[in-house]
Amino acid sequence: MPRHTPTSITGIPVELLLILIVGFVIYKLATKGKTSSRTTRSRTPPQAPPPSPAPGPASKDTYRPNATRPSTGITFGSEPTGTTTSQKVSQEDVRDLCDAFTGEKLDVSKGLFRCEKCKVHYHTESHAVLLSENGGACVACGSKDLVRLKAGAHANDGRNFDPSVVTLSDIKNHVGRVVTFEGHVHSVQVSRRGSDYAVMFEQKSWVKGFKLVFFKGAAARIGGAPYIKSLNGRTVKVRGLVVNHPTFGLEIIISERSMILSAR
């Protein structure tokens, strides 16, 4: 008796059952391929960014200390907190007196300090430079007894200071004192940040050569880069405090235009 070929399994036609099985196999194979692709891409390390181009050569007139130098912590044009115009001596009282640091005529609106030992006077900005660069000592006598003037001080309480005239050969002997100096400018160099300037009196490296230093706070008020760079090649006569900075060497810090006595 011939066998009977089944046409259905549990009521489902054989042809439909085969179609479902084939479709399921195709779906699993397709899903496995996508998962493998995602896994492979997720393990691919990101490419490193291209290297930055090397910096170009520095300008030949750049003033380049090995360490970044702050502008001495001096804020030009400001006064200590807590002072008011009403506390200061009148302009008439100091009409014949000059700032012992800059040589500028005293202006009570700038705030005044007086050395109680030798009676010379300083503007507030000059006093700030002394605190930063000279240990707070008077440039005339070396005393640190400098007091802020209040109402009641009179002209007969003070005197003017006439600084010594020095040359390049003996400038080292006057560190901590205000002097009058005249010399030929060999170059004008600019700081890395582009806001401070060194006017060089010697053909030496910036750390070994004697120089004038113009910090950002004063440079703009004195005449800015055009004026400072115009000093190159000229004979300049200045009045200022001689500083021997532990890193930057011998220098005079210029804070007022009046400190440049002549340039020819």
Protein backbone atom coordinates (compact mmCIF):
# COMPACT_ATOMS: atom_id res chain seq x y z
CA MET A 1 0.00 0.00 0.00
CA PRO A 2 1.63 3.32 -1.01
CA ARG A 3 2.59 5.82 1.73
CA HIS A 4 0.58 9.01 2.12
CA THR A 5 2.64 12.26 1.75
CA PRO A 6 1.56 14.77 4.43
CA THR A 7 0.24 18.06 3.13
CA SER A 8 0.07 19.75 6.56
CA ILE A 9 1.57 19.62 10.06
CA THR A 10 -0.81 20.28 12.87
CA GLY A 11 -3.06 21.92 10.40
CA ILE A 12 -0.36 24.24 8.91
CA PRO A 13 0.45 23.62 5.25
CA VAL A 14 4.00 22.38 4.70
CA GLU A 15 4.76 25.07 2.10
CA LEU A 16 3.84 27.89 4.55
CA LEU A 17 5.90 26.30 7.33
CA LEU A 18 9.00 26.13 5.08
CA ILE A 19 8.57 29.82 4.14
CA LEU A 20 8.47 30.81 7.83
CA ILE A 21 11.60 28.76 8.65
CA VAL A 22 13.60 30.26 5.75
CA GLY A 23 12.51 33.80 6.71
CA PHE A 24 13.61 33.28 10.32
CA VAL A 25 17.06 32.05 9.26
CA ILE A 26 17.54 35.04 6.93
CA TYR A 27 16.52 37.47 9.73
CA LYS A 28 19.06 35.96 12.21
CA LEU A 29 21.86 36.11 9.68
CA ALA A 30 21.09 39.76 8.86
CA THR A 31 20.95 40.73 12.57
CA LYS A 32 24.28 39.05 13.33
CA GLY A 33 26.01 40.95 10.52
CA LYS A 34 24.82 44.34 11.78
CA THR A 35 25.92 43.55 15.37
CA SER A 36 29.37 42.49 14.19
CA SER A 37 29.70 45.66 12.14
CA ARG A 38 28.76 47.89 15.10
CA THR A 39 31.20 46.06 17.37
CA THR A 40 34.04 46.46 14.91
CA ARG A 41 33.44 50.19 14.47
CA SER A 42 33.19 50.79 18.22
CA ARG A 43 36.62 49.27 18.77
CA THR A 44 38.35 51.37 16.16
CA PRO A 45 40.50 53.95 18.04
CA PRO A 46 39.99 57.64 17.13
CA GLN A 47 42.65 59.17 14.96
CA ALA A 48 45.03 61.60 16.67
CA PRO A 49 44.73 65.28 15.59
CA PRO A 50 47.48 66.55 13.30
CA PRO A 51 50.44 68.12 15.15
CA SER A 52 50.40 71.93 15.66
CA PRO A 53 52.80 73.90 13.49
CA ALA A 54 56.03 74.98 15.16
CA PRO A 55 56.10 78.64 16.34
CA GLY A 56 57.91 81.08 14.12
CA PRO A 57 61.15 82.84 15.12
CA ALA A 58 60.87 85.62 17.72
CA SER A 59 61.37 89.23 16.72
CA LYS A 60 64.95 90.47 17.08
CA ASP A 61 63.84 93.38 19.26
CA THR A 62 61.94 91.21 21.75
CA TYR A 63 62.80 91.60 25.43
CA ARG A 64 62.77 87.94 26.52
CA PRO A 65 63.28 87.10 30.20
CA ASN A 66 63.37 83.41 31.11
CA ALA A 67 60.48 83.89 33.54
CA THR A 68 57.34 85.95 33.08
CA ARG A 69 57.81 89.15 34.98
CA PRO A 70 54.83 90.87 36.60
CA SER A 71 54.66 94.64 36.40
CA THR A 72 55.94 94.77 40.00
CA GLY A 73 52.43 94.77 41.44
CA ILE A 74 52.20 98.54 40.90
CA THR A 75 48.89 99.96 39.75
CA PHE A 76 49.66 103.39 38.37
CA GLY A 77 47.01 106.02 38.86
CA SER A 78 45.49 104.56 42.03
CA GLU A 79 45.62 105.48 45.71
CA PRO A 80 45.53 103.35 48.84
CA THR A 81 42.04 102.51 50.04
CA GLY A 82 40.66 104.84 52.70
CA THR A 83 42.28 108.16 51.66
CA THR A 84 40.30 111.20 50.57
CA THR A 85 41.23 114.62 49.26
CA SER A 86 40.06 116.26 52.49
CA GLN A 87 42.81 114.42 54.43
CA LYS A 88 45.68 115.82 52.39
CA VAL A 89 47.77 118.95 52.72
CA SER A 90 46.79 121.89 50.49
CA GLN A 91 48.56 122.62 47.20
CA GLU A 92 49.77 125.95 48.55
CA ASP A 93 51.61 124.19 51.40
CA VAL A 94 53.83 122.23 48.96
CA ARG A 95 54.09 124.73 46.10
CA ASP A 96 57.93 124.70 46.12
CA LEU A 97 58.48 120.98 46.66
CA CYS A 98 59.12 118.10 44.25
CA ASP A 99 58.67 114.33 44.36
CA ALA A 100 62.01 112.94 45.58
CA PHE A 101 61.62 109.90 43.31
CA THR A 102 60.54 111.44 39.99
CA GLY A 103 61.50 115.11 40.42
CA GLU A 104 57.94 116.06 39.47
CA LYS A 105 56.29 119.05 41.15
CA LEU A 106 54.11 117.85 44.02
CA ASP A 107 50.41 117.55 43.23
CA VAL A 108 48.20 116.98 46.28
CA SER A 109 45.54 115.31 44.11
CA LYS A 110 47.98 112.40 43.57
CA GLY A 111 48.34 111.75 47.29
CA LEU A 112 51.47 112.56 49.31
CA PHE A 113 53.90 110.71 51.56
CA ARG A 114 56.74 112.26 53.56
CA CYS A 115 59.91 110.77 55.03
CA GLU A 116 59.83 111.64 58.72
CA LYS A 117 63.62 111.48 58.97
CA CYS A 118 64.79 113.70 56.09
CA LYS A 119 61.45 115.38 55.14
CA VAL A 120 61.45 114.64 51.40
CA HIS A 121 58.09 113.93 49.74
CA TYR A 122 56.63 111.34 47.37
CA HIS A 123 53.46 110.97 45.36
CA THR A 124 51.38 107.87 46.07
CA GLU A 125 52.60 106.19 42.86
CA SER A 126 56.23 106.85 43.77
CA HIS A 127 55.64 105.41 47.22
CA ALA A 128 54.19 102.27 45.58
CA VAL A 129 57.39 101.85 43.53
CA LEU A 130 59.51 102.24 46.66
CA LEU A 131 57.48 99.53 48.42
CA SER A 132 57.83 97.17 45.45
CA GLU A 133 61.40 97.84 44.35
CA ASN A 134 63.27 99.41 47.30
CA GLY A 135 61.84 97.73 50.38
CA GLY A 136 59.84 100.86 51.21
CA ALA A 137 63.02 102.85 51.94
CA CYS A 138 63.46 106.56 51.26
CA VAL A 139 65.75 107.20 48.27
CA ALA A 140 67.38 110.18 50.00
CA CYS A 141 68.28 108.75 53.41
CA GLY A 142 67.25 105.07 53.44
CA SER A 143 64.69 105.45 56.24
CA LYS A 144 61.46 103.43 56.06
CA ASP A 145 59.53 105.91 58.18
CA LEU A 146 57.33 107.23 55.34
CA VAL A 147 53.91 108.48 56.38
CA ARG A 148 50.85 109.62 54.42
CA LEU A 149 50.29 113.35 54.78
CA LYS A 150 47.10 114.70 56.26
CA ALA A 151 45.69 118.19 56.70
CA GLY A 152 47.98 120.43 58.74
CA ALA A 153 51.35 119.68 57.12
CA HIS A 154 53.20 122.80 55.92
CA ALA A 155 55.91 123.66 53.40
CA ASN A 156 58.48 124.26 56.13
CA ASP A 157 58.09 120.58 57.11
CA GLY A 158 59.74 119.43 53.87
CA ARG A 159 62.71 119.83 51.57
CA ASN A 160 63.72 118.92 48.03
CA PHE A 161 66.16 116.16 47.13
CA ASP A 162 68.97 116.75 44.64
CA PRO A 163 70.20 113.34 43.38
CA SER A 164 73.81 112.52 42.56
CA VAL A 165 74.97 112.56 38.94
CA VAL A 166 76.42 109.14 38.05
CA THR A 167 77.97 107.42 35.05
CA LEU A 168 77.74 103.90 33.65
CA SER A 169 81.04 102.94 35.32
CA ASP A 170 79.77 103.58 38.86
CA ILE A 171 76.04 102.87 38.53
CA LYS A 172 76.41 99.71 40.66
CA ASN A 173 77.51 101.82 43.62
CA HIS A 174 74.15 103.62 43.75
CA VAL A 175 71.67 100.75 44.01
CA GLY A 176 68.72 101.81 46.15
CA ARG A 177 69.26 105.52 45.49
CA VAL A 178 67.69 107.96 43.05
CA VAL A 179 70.33 109.33 40.68
CA THR A 180 70.67 111.43 37.57
CA PHE A 181 72.14 109.37 34.72
CA GLU A 182 72.98 110.15 31.09
CA GLY A 183 73.87 107.56 28.49
CA HIS A 184 73.57 106.43 24.86
CA VAL A 185 70.69 104.06 24.02
CA HIS A 186 71.89 101.03 22.02
CA SER A 187 68.51 99.33 21.59
CA VAL A 188 64.87 99.28 22.69
CA GLN A 189 63.48 95.83 23.46
CA VAL A 190 59.88 94.70 23.92
CA SER A 191 58.61 92.17 26.47
CA ARG A 192 57.02 88.89 25.37
CA ARG A 193 53.59 90.18 26.29
CA GLY A 194 54.23 93.27 24.17
CA SER A 195 53.36 95.81 26.86
CA ASP A 196 56.65 96.43 28.71
CA TYR A 197 59.87 97.93 27.30
CA ALA A 198 63.59 97.91 28.10
CA VAL A 199 65.74 100.82 26.88
CA MET A 200 69.28 99.40 26.85
CA PHE A 201 72.34 101.52 27.67
CA GLU A 202 74.80 98.68 27.01
CA GLN A 203 75.38 96.24 24.15
CA LYS A 204 74.90 93.26 26.43
CA SER A 205 72.19 90.71 27.09
CA TRP A 206 69.16 92.13 28.85
CA VAL A 207 70.10 90.50 32.19
CA LYS A 208 73.62 91.97 32.15
CA GLY A 209 73.04 95.37 30.59
CA PHE A 210 71.93 98.50 32.46
CA LYS A 211 68.54 99.71 31.22
CA LEU A 212 65.40 101.76 31.71
CA VAL A 213 62.22 99.72 32.22
CA PHE A 214 58.78 100.98 31.21
CA PHE A 215 55.95 98.86 32.58
CA LYS A 216 52.49 98.73 30.99
CA GLY A 217 50.86 100.98 33.58
CA ALA A 218 53.25 103.84 32.88
CA ALA A 219 54.21 103.24 29.23
CA ALA A 220 50.91 104.48 27.82
CA ARG A 221 50.94 107.60 29.99
CA ILE A 222 54.54 108.44 29.08
CA GLY A 223 53.87 108.31 25.34
CA GLY A 224 53.46 104.64 24.48
CA ALA A 225 55.53 102.53 22.12
CA PRO A 226 56.16 105.31 19.55
CA TYR A 227 57.85 107.57 22.11
CA ILE A 228 59.76 104.79 23.88
CA LYS A 229 61.08 103.35 20.61
CA SER A 230 62.08 106.86 19.48
CA LEU A 231 64.73 106.85 22.24
CA ASN A 232 66.77 104.27 20.31
CA GLY A 233 70.12 105.72 19.20
CA ARG A 234 69.73 108.89 21.29
CA THR A 235 71.54 110.16 24.37
CA VAL A 236 69.04 110.11 27.20
CA LYS A 237 69.30 111.84 30.57
CA VAL A 238 67.08 110.39 33.30
CA ARG A 239 66.35 110.68 36.97
CA GLY A 240 65.31 107.51 38.77
CA LEU A 241 65.82 104.78 41.34
CA VAL A 242 68.66 102.33 40.57
CA VAL A 243 67.45 98.75 41.15
CA ASN A 244 69.49 95.55 40.98
CA HIS A 245 66.76 92.95 40.37
CA PRO A 246 67.84 89.37 41.26
CA THR A 247 66.69 88.11 37.83
CA PHE A 248 66.58 91.12 35.54
CA GLY A 249 69.70 92.95 36.65
CA LEU A 250 70.48 96.67 36.91
CA GLU A 251 67.67 99.00 35.87
CA ILE A 252 65.81 102.22 36.46
CA ILE A 253 62.01 101.92 36.44
CA ILE A 254 60.36 104.85 34.67
CA SER A 255 56.91 105.74 36.01
CA GLU A 256 56.55 109.40 34.94
CA ARG A 257 57.47 111.36 31.80
CA SER A 258 59.17 113.93 34.05
CA MET A 259 61.86 111.32 34.84
CA ILE A 260 63.15 111.65 31.26
CA LEU A 261 65.08 114.90 31.65
CA SER A 262 66.31 115.10 28.05
CA ALA A 263 66.75 113.03 24.87
CA ARG A 264 68.98 114.28 22.08
